[in-house]
Every structure is written in C-alpha cells, then in structure tokens.
Amino acid sequence: MRAALTAAGVPLGEFSVVPFPINHPELWRHYAPRDAVYFLTIYDDWGRRKRERFEALGLTTEVLWERTPESKGISGTDVRARMAGGEPWQDLVPEAVAELLEAWDVPERLRAYR
C-alpha cells in the first residue's frame, strides 16, 4: 500500500498503513486510534459483516462503495492465479506493487505451492 500510494503522489505524511486483525475485534483498540475512520468497500456478506462489527463498536465507518462481486473487476485471487500459473500479471497491479512482489519472489513462491 505504501509503495502504491507514494507512487501515485500521496505524501508519506498523509497516510498510515497498519496491519489490522480484522477477525479479532477485541484487539482493534491496539491497532488504530478510537477516532480513526474505517473505510470499506463492500462486495459480499463478509464486507457487510465488517461494517456491522465496526458500527456495533461505535467506530466511524465510511463505505466507499457497495457493489456486486461481478462488478468488482480485478481481484487478488485473479492476480495470484496468474502468478501461480506463470501467466502475465504485472498489468493487473500498479508498477510499484509489481516491483515489490517480484523482489519478494511472490510469483515463484506461489508456483511452488501449486
């Protein structure tokens, strides 16, 4: 995320990227400030459950959009499948992300699991 945002021209001081234990709401207070805004995109029931969890705790939640899974477009599953199959995938992600995935040898690691 950091590489993609800075490559898109967003200054480092304008955002934070924090690992977030989405399946452990009891830990959320340790990862983000209480007054943080939680941005969501919703494509399925899991997205709706996440919104319900945030709202149940009184967290400020902003839904950027809610769409059907068919209208989502490119997904991480699509990118990983191409990597694992040895197909071109770089055009599906920002250049800065492709560079990191290649540097971390992610395509080869996915092929090894196939």
N, C-alpha and C. Protein backbone atom coordinates (compact mmCIF):
# COMPACT_ATOMS: atom_id res chain seq x y z
N MET A 1 0.82 -1.18 0.00
CA MET A 1 0.00 0.00 0.00
C MET A 1 0.87 1.25 0.00
N ARG A 2 1.88 1.25 0.84
CA ARG A 2 2.75 2.42 0.94
C ARG A 2 3.38 2.74 -0.42
N ALA A 3 3.92 1.71 -1.08
CA ALA A 3 4.58 1.92 -2.37
C ALA A 3 3.59 2.42 -3.42
N ALA A 4 2.40 1.84 -3.45
CA ALA A 4 1.40 2.25 -4.44
C ALA A 4 0.94 3.68 -4.20
N LEU A 5 0.71 4.04 -2.95
CA LEU A 5 0.25 5.39 -2.64
C LEU A 5 1.31 6.44 -2.93
N THR A 6 2.56 6.17 -2.54
CA THR A 6 3.61 7.16 -2.81
C THR A 6 3.89 7.26 -4.30
N ALA A 7 3.81 6.15 -5.03
CA ALA A 7 4.00 6.20 -6.48
C ALA A 7 2.88 7.01 -7.14
N ALA A 8 1.70 7.02 -6.51
CA ALA A 8 0.58 7.80 -7.03
C ALA A 8 0.66 9.27 -6.61
N GLY A 9 1.71 9.62 -5.84
CA GLY A 9 1.91 11.01 -5.48
C GLY A 9 1.37 11.42 -4.12
N VAL A 10 0.91 10.48 -3.31
CA VAL A 10 0.41 10.81 -1.98
C VAL A 10 1.61 10.92 -1.03
N PRO A 11 1.81 12.06 -0.39
CA PRO A 11 2.96 12.21 0.51
C PRO A 11 2.88 11.25 1.70
N LEU A 12 4.04 10.72 2.11
CA LEU A 12 4.10 9.77 3.21
C LEU A 12 3.41 10.27 4.47
N GLY A 13 3.50 11.53 4.78
CA GLY A 13 2.89 12.06 6.00
C GLY A 13 1.38 12.13 5.96
N GLU A 14 0.78 11.84 4.82
CA GLU A 14 -0.67 11.95 4.67
C GLU A 14 -1.42 10.67 4.98
N PHE A 15 -0.74 9.58 5.24
CA PHE A 15 -1.43 8.31 5.50
C PHE A 15 -0.59 7.40 6.37
N SER A 16 -1.24 6.41 6.93
CA SER A 16 -0.57 5.37 7.70
C SER A 16 -1.10 4.03 7.21
N VAL A 17 -0.23 3.04 7.15
CA VAL A 17 -0.63 1.68 6.82
C VAL A 17 -0.38 0.84 8.06
N VAL A 18 -1.43 0.23 8.56
CA VAL A 18 -1.35 -0.51 9.82
C VAL A 18 -1.90 -1.92 9.60
N PRO A 19 -1.15 -2.96 9.97
CA PRO A 19 -1.72 -4.30 9.92
C PRO A 19 -2.91 -4.35 10.87
N PHE A 20 -3.95 -5.03 10.47
CA PHE A 20 -5.18 -4.96 11.24
C PHE A 20 -5.80 -6.34 11.38
N PRO A 21 -5.98 -6.81 12.62
CA PRO A 21 -6.53 -8.16 12.85
C PRO A 21 -8.06 -8.18 12.71
N ILE A 22 -8.55 -8.14 11.50
CA ILE A 22 -9.98 -7.99 11.24
C ILE A 22 -10.82 -9.06 11.94
N ASN A 23 -10.28 -10.24 12.14
CA ASN A 23 -11.04 -11.32 12.78
C ASN A 23 -10.96 -11.30 14.31
N HIS A 24 -10.30 -10.29 14.86
CA HIS A 24 -10.16 -10.21 16.32
C HIS A 24 -10.54 -8.81 16.82
N PRO A 25 -11.84 -8.51 16.85
CA PRO A 25 -12.28 -7.16 17.26
C PRO A 25 -11.78 -6.75 18.65
N GLU A 26 -11.53 -7.72 19.51
CA GLU A 26 -11.05 -7.39 20.85
C GLU A 26 -9.66 -6.75 20.82
N LEU A 27 -8.94 -6.88 19.71
CA LEU A 27 -7.60 -6.30 19.58
C LEU A 27 -7.57 -4.97 18.84
N TRP A 28 -8.66 -4.58 18.21
CA TRP A 28 -8.65 -3.41 17.36
C TRP A 28 -8.14 -2.16 18.05
N ARG A 29 -8.48 -1.99 19.32
CA ARG A 29 -8.07 -0.77 20.03
C ARG A 29 -6.55 -0.64 20.14
N HIS A 30 -5.84 -1.75 19.93
CA HIS A 30 -4.38 -1.72 20.00
C HIS A 30 -3.75 -1.35 18.65
N TYR A 31 -4.54 -1.29 17.60
CA TYR A 31 -4.01 -1.07 16.25
C TYR A 31 -4.37 0.27 15.63
N ALA A 32 -5.46 0.84 16.06
CA ALA A 32 -5.88 2.12 15.46
C ALA A 32 -6.50 3.00 16.54
N PRO A 33 -6.36 4.30 16.40
CA PRO A 33 -6.96 5.20 17.39
C PRO A 33 -8.49 5.08 17.39
N ARG A 34 -9.08 5.33 18.50
CA ARG A 34 -10.54 5.24 18.63
C ARG A 34 -11.25 6.15 17.65
N ASP A 35 -10.63 7.28 17.31
CA ASP A 35 -11.28 8.23 16.41
C ASP A 35 -10.89 8.02 14.94
N ALA A 36 -10.27 6.88 14.63
CA ALA A 36 -9.92 6.59 13.23
C ALA A 36 -11.19 6.43 12.40
N VAL A 37 -11.05 6.65 11.11
CA VAL A 37 -12.15 6.39 10.18
C VAL A 37 -11.84 5.08 9.46
N TYR A 38 -12.79 4.18 9.44
CA TYR A 38 -12.63 2.86 8.83
C TYR A 38 -13.31 2.88 7.47
N PHE A 39 -12.50 2.85 6.41
CA PHE A 39 -13.03 2.88 5.05
C PHE A 39 -13.22 1.46 4.55
N LEU A 40 -14.38 1.21 3.97
CA LEU A 40 -14.71 -0.12 3.46
C LEU A 40 -15.20 -0.06 2.03
N THR A 41 -14.91 -1.10 1.30
CA THR A 41 -15.60 -1.38 0.04
C THR A 41 -16.32 -2.70 0.26
N ILE A 42 -17.56 -2.78 -0.16
CA ILE A 42 -18.37 -3.95 0.13
C ILE A 42 -18.79 -4.63 -1.17
N TYR A 43 -18.51 -5.94 -1.23
CA TYR A 43 -18.88 -6.75 -2.38
C TYR A 43 -19.70 -7.98 -2.00
N ASP A 44 -19.76 -8.28 -0.70
CA ASP A 44 -20.41 -9.53 -0.29
C ASP A 44 -20.81 -9.45 1.19
N ASP A 45 -21.31 -10.57 1.70
CA ASP A 45 -21.74 -10.62 3.10
C ASP A 45 -20.59 -10.35 4.07
N TRP A 46 -19.39 -10.78 3.72
CA TRP A 46 -18.24 -10.52 4.60
C TRP A 46 -18.02 -9.02 4.75
N GLY A 47 -18.12 -8.28 3.68
CA GLY A 47 -17.98 -6.82 3.75
C GLY A 47 -19.07 -6.21 4.63
N ARG A 48 -20.30 -6.70 4.49
CA ARG A 48 -21.39 -6.21 5.32
C ARG A 48 -21.17 -6.56 6.80
N ARG A 49 -20.64 -7.75 7.09
CA ARG A 49 -20.34 -8.12 8.48
C ARG A 49 -19.26 -7.22 9.07
N LYS A 50 -18.25 -6.90 8.26
CA LYS A 50 -17.20 -5.99 8.77
C LYS A 50 -17.81 -4.64 9.14
N ARG A 51 -18.67 -4.12 8.25
CA ARG A 51 -19.32 -2.83 8.55
C ARG A 51 -20.13 -2.95 9.84
N GLU A 52 -20.88 -4.02 10.03
CA GLU A 52 -21.67 -4.21 11.25
C GLU A 52 -20.78 -4.26 12.48
N ARG A 53 -19.64 -4.93 12.39
CA ARG A 53 -18.71 -5.02 13.53
C ARG A 53 -18.19 -3.64 13.91
N PHE A 54 -17.78 -2.86 12.92
CA PHE A 54 -17.28 -1.52 13.20
C PHE A 54 -18.37 -0.66 13.84
N GLU A 55 -19.54 -0.69 13.23
CA GLU A 55 -20.62 0.17 13.71
C GLU A 55 -21.10 -0.26 15.10
N ALA A 56 -21.09 -1.57 15.39
CA ALA A 56 -21.51 -2.07 16.71
C ALA A 56 -20.59 -1.54 17.81
N LEU A 57 -19.35 -1.28 17.47
CA LEU A 57 -18.39 -0.73 18.44
C LEU A 57 -18.38 0.79 18.44
N GLY A 58 -19.26 1.40 17.63
CA GLY A 58 -19.35 2.85 17.57
C GLY A 58 -18.21 3.51 16.81
N LEU A 59 -17.55 2.73 15.94
CA LEU A 59 -16.43 3.27 15.16
C LEU A 59 -16.96 3.99 13.92
N THR A 60 -16.31 5.08 13.55
CA THR A 60 -16.70 5.83 12.37
C THR A 60 -16.37 5.01 11.14
N THR A 61 -17.40 4.69 10.38
CA THR A 61 -17.25 3.82 9.23
C THR A 61 -17.74 4.52 7.98
N GLU A 62 -16.93 4.50 6.95
CA GLU A 62 -17.26 5.14 5.68
C GLU A 62 -17.23 4.06 4.60
N VAL A 63 -18.37 3.82 3.98
CA VAL A 63 -18.44 2.86 2.88
C VAL A 63 -18.16 3.62 1.59
N LEU A 64 -17.05 3.28 0.95
CA LEU A 64 -16.68 3.96 -0.30
C LEU A 64 -17.63 3.57 -1.41
N TRP A 65 -17.99 2.27 -1.46
CA TRP A 65 -18.99 1.78 -2.40
C TRP A 65 -19.41 0.39 -2.02
N GLU A 66 -20.61 0.03 -2.46
CA GLU A 66 -21.10 -1.33 -2.31
C GLU A 66 -21.52 -1.79 -3.70
N ARG A 67 -20.92 -2.88 -4.15
CA ARG A 67 -21.17 -3.40 -5.49
C ARG A 67 -21.28 -4.92 -5.45
N THR A 68 -21.74 -5.48 -6.54
CA THR A 68 -21.81 -6.94 -6.63
C THR A 68 -20.41 -7.49 -6.87
N PRO A 69 -20.18 -8.76 -6.50
CA PRO A 69 -18.87 -9.36 -6.77
C PRO A 69 -18.52 -9.33 -8.26
N GLU A 70 -19.52 -9.46 -9.12
CA GLU A 70 -19.28 -9.47 -10.57
C GLU A 70 -18.76 -8.12 -11.08
N SER A 71 -19.10 -7.05 -10.39
CA SER A 71 -18.66 -5.72 -10.84
C SER A 71 -17.35 -5.29 -10.20
N LYS A 72 -16.76 -6.16 -9.40
CA LYS A 72 -15.54 -5.80 -8.68
C LYS A 72 -14.38 -5.51 -9.60
N GLY A 73 -14.27 -6.28 -10.68
CA GLY A 73 -13.11 -6.11 -11.56
C GLY A 73 -12.00 -7.03 -11.10
N ILE A 74 -10.79 -6.56 -11.15
CA ILE A 74 -9.61 -7.36 -10.79
C ILE A 74 -9.62 -7.65 -9.30
N SER A 75 -9.31 -8.89 -8.94
CA SER A 75 -9.23 -9.27 -7.54
C SER A 75 -7.85 -9.83 -7.24
N GLY A 76 -7.53 -9.91 -5.96
CA GLY A 76 -6.28 -10.54 -5.54
C GLY A 76 -6.23 -11.99 -5.99
N THR A 77 -7.38 -12.64 -5.99
CA THR A 77 -7.46 -14.04 -6.46
C THR A 77 -7.02 -14.13 -7.91
N ASP A 78 -7.46 -13.17 -8.73
CA ASP A 78 -7.07 -13.14 -10.15
C ASP A 78 -5.55 -12.99 -10.30
N VAL A 79 -4.99 -12.08 -9.55
CA VAL A 79 -3.55 -11.82 -9.63
C VAL A 79 -2.76 -13.06 -9.18
N ARG A 80 -3.14 -13.64 -8.05
CA ARG A 80 -2.44 -14.82 -7.55
C ARG A 80 -2.56 -16.00 -8.51
N ALA A 81 -3.73 -16.18 -9.11
CA ALA A 81 -3.92 -17.29 -10.06
C ALA A 81 -2.99 -17.13 -11.26
N ARG A 82 -2.86 -15.92 -11.77
CA ARG A 82 -1.95 -15.70 -12.89
C ARG A 82 -0.50 -15.96 -12.48
N MET A 83 -0.14 -15.48 -11.31
CA MET A 83 1.23 -15.71 -10.83
C MET A 83 1.50 -17.21 -10.73
N ALA A 84 0.59 -17.92 -10.08
CA ALA A 84 0.78 -19.36 -9.86
C ALA A 84 0.83 -20.12 -11.18
N GLY A 85 0.10 -19.64 -12.18
CA GLY A 85 0.07 -20.29 -13.48
C GLY A 85 1.17 -19.85 -14.42
N GLY A 86 2.04 -18.96 -13.96
CA GLY A 86 3.12 -18.47 -14.81
C GLY A 86 2.65 -17.54 -15.92
N GLU A 87 1.47 -16.97 -15.75
CA GLU A 87 0.91 -16.05 -16.75
C GLU A 87 1.29 -14.61 -16.42
N PRO A 88 1.22 -13.71 -17.40
CA PRO A 88 1.48 -12.30 -17.11
C PRO A 88 0.47 -11.76 -16.10
N TRP A 89 0.92 -11.02 -15.13
CA TRP A 89 0.06 -10.47 -14.09
C TRP A 89 0.39 -9.02 -13.78
N GLN A 90 1.56 -8.56 -14.21
CA GLN A 90 2.04 -7.23 -13.84
C GLN A 90 1.09 -6.11 -14.25
N ASP A 91 0.34 -6.32 -15.33
CA ASP A 91 -0.57 -5.29 -15.80
C ASP A 91 -1.80 -5.15 -14.90
N LEU A 92 -1.99 -6.05 -13.95
CA LEU A 92 -3.14 -6.02 -13.06
C LEU A 92 -2.91 -5.19 -11.80
N VAL A 93 -1.65 -4.82 -11.55
CA VAL A 93 -1.31 -4.10 -10.31
C VAL A 93 -0.49 -2.86 -10.66
N PRO A 94 -0.44 -1.87 -9.76
CA PRO A 94 0.43 -0.71 -10.00
C PRO A 94 1.88 -1.16 -10.13
N GLU A 95 2.65 -0.43 -10.92
CA GLU A 95 4.05 -0.77 -11.18
C GLU A 95 4.85 -0.94 -9.89
N ALA A 96 4.64 -0.04 -8.92
CA ALA A 96 5.38 -0.12 -7.66
C ALA A 96 5.06 -1.42 -6.92
N VAL A 97 3.84 -1.88 -7.02
CA VAL A 97 3.43 -3.13 -6.37
C VAL A 97 4.08 -4.32 -7.09
N ALA A 98 4.06 -4.29 -8.42
CA ALA A 98 4.68 -5.38 -9.18
C ALA A 98 6.17 -5.50 -8.84
N GLU A 99 6.84 -4.38 -8.71
CA GLU A 99 8.27 -4.41 -8.37
C GLU A 99 8.50 -5.08 -7.02
N LEU A 100 7.67 -4.76 -6.04
CA LEU A 100 7.82 -5.37 -4.71
C LEU A 100 7.50 -6.87 -4.75
N LEU A 101 6.43 -7.25 -5.43
CA LEU A 101 6.06 -8.66 -5.50
C LEU A 101 7.16 -9.48 -6.16
N GLU A 102 7.78 -8.91 -7.18
CA GLU A 102 8.89 -9.61 -7.84
C GLU A 102 10.12 -9.65 -6.93
N ALA A 103 10.41 -8.55 -6.24
CA ALA A 103 11.57 -8.52 -5.33
C ALA A 103 11.40 -9.53 -4.20
N TRP A 104 10.18 -9.73 -3.76
CA TRP A 104 9.89 -10.70 -2.69
C TRP A 104 9.70 -12.11 -3.23
N ASP A 105 9.83 -12.27 -4.54
CA ASP A 105 9.72 -13.58 -5.19
C ASP A 105 8.35 -14.23 -4.99
N VAL A 106 7.31 -13.42 -4.90
CA VAL A 106 5.97 -13.94 -4.65
C VAL A 106 5.48 -14.83 -5.80
N PRO A 107 5.66 -14.46 -7.07
CA PRO A 107 5.18 -15.35 -8.13
C PRO A 107 5.80 -16.75 -8.05
N GLU A 108 7.09 -16.82 -7.81
CA GLU A 108 7.75 -18.13 -7.72
C GLU A 108 7.27 -18.91 -6.50
N ARG A 109 7.09 -18.23 -5.40
CA ARG A 109 6.60 -18.91 -4.20
C ARG A 109 5.21 -19.46 -4.42
N LEU A 110 4.36 -18.74 -5.15
CA LEU A 110 3.01 -19.24 -5.44
C LEU A 110 3.07 -20.44 -6.38
N ARG A 111 3.96 -20.40 -7.35
CA ARG A 111 4.12 -21.55 -8.27
C ARG A 111 4.58 -22.79 -7.50
N ALA A 112 5.39 -22.60 -6.49
CA ALA A 112 5.89 -23.72 -5.70
C ALA A 112 4.77 -24.41 -4.91
N TYR A 113 3.71 -23.67 -4.59
CA TYR A 113 2.59 -24.24 -3.85
C TYR A 113 1.59 -24.95 -4.74
N ARG A 114 1.72 -24.77 -6.01
CA ARG A 114 0.75 -25.31 -6.97
C ARG A 114 0.78 -26.78 -7.04
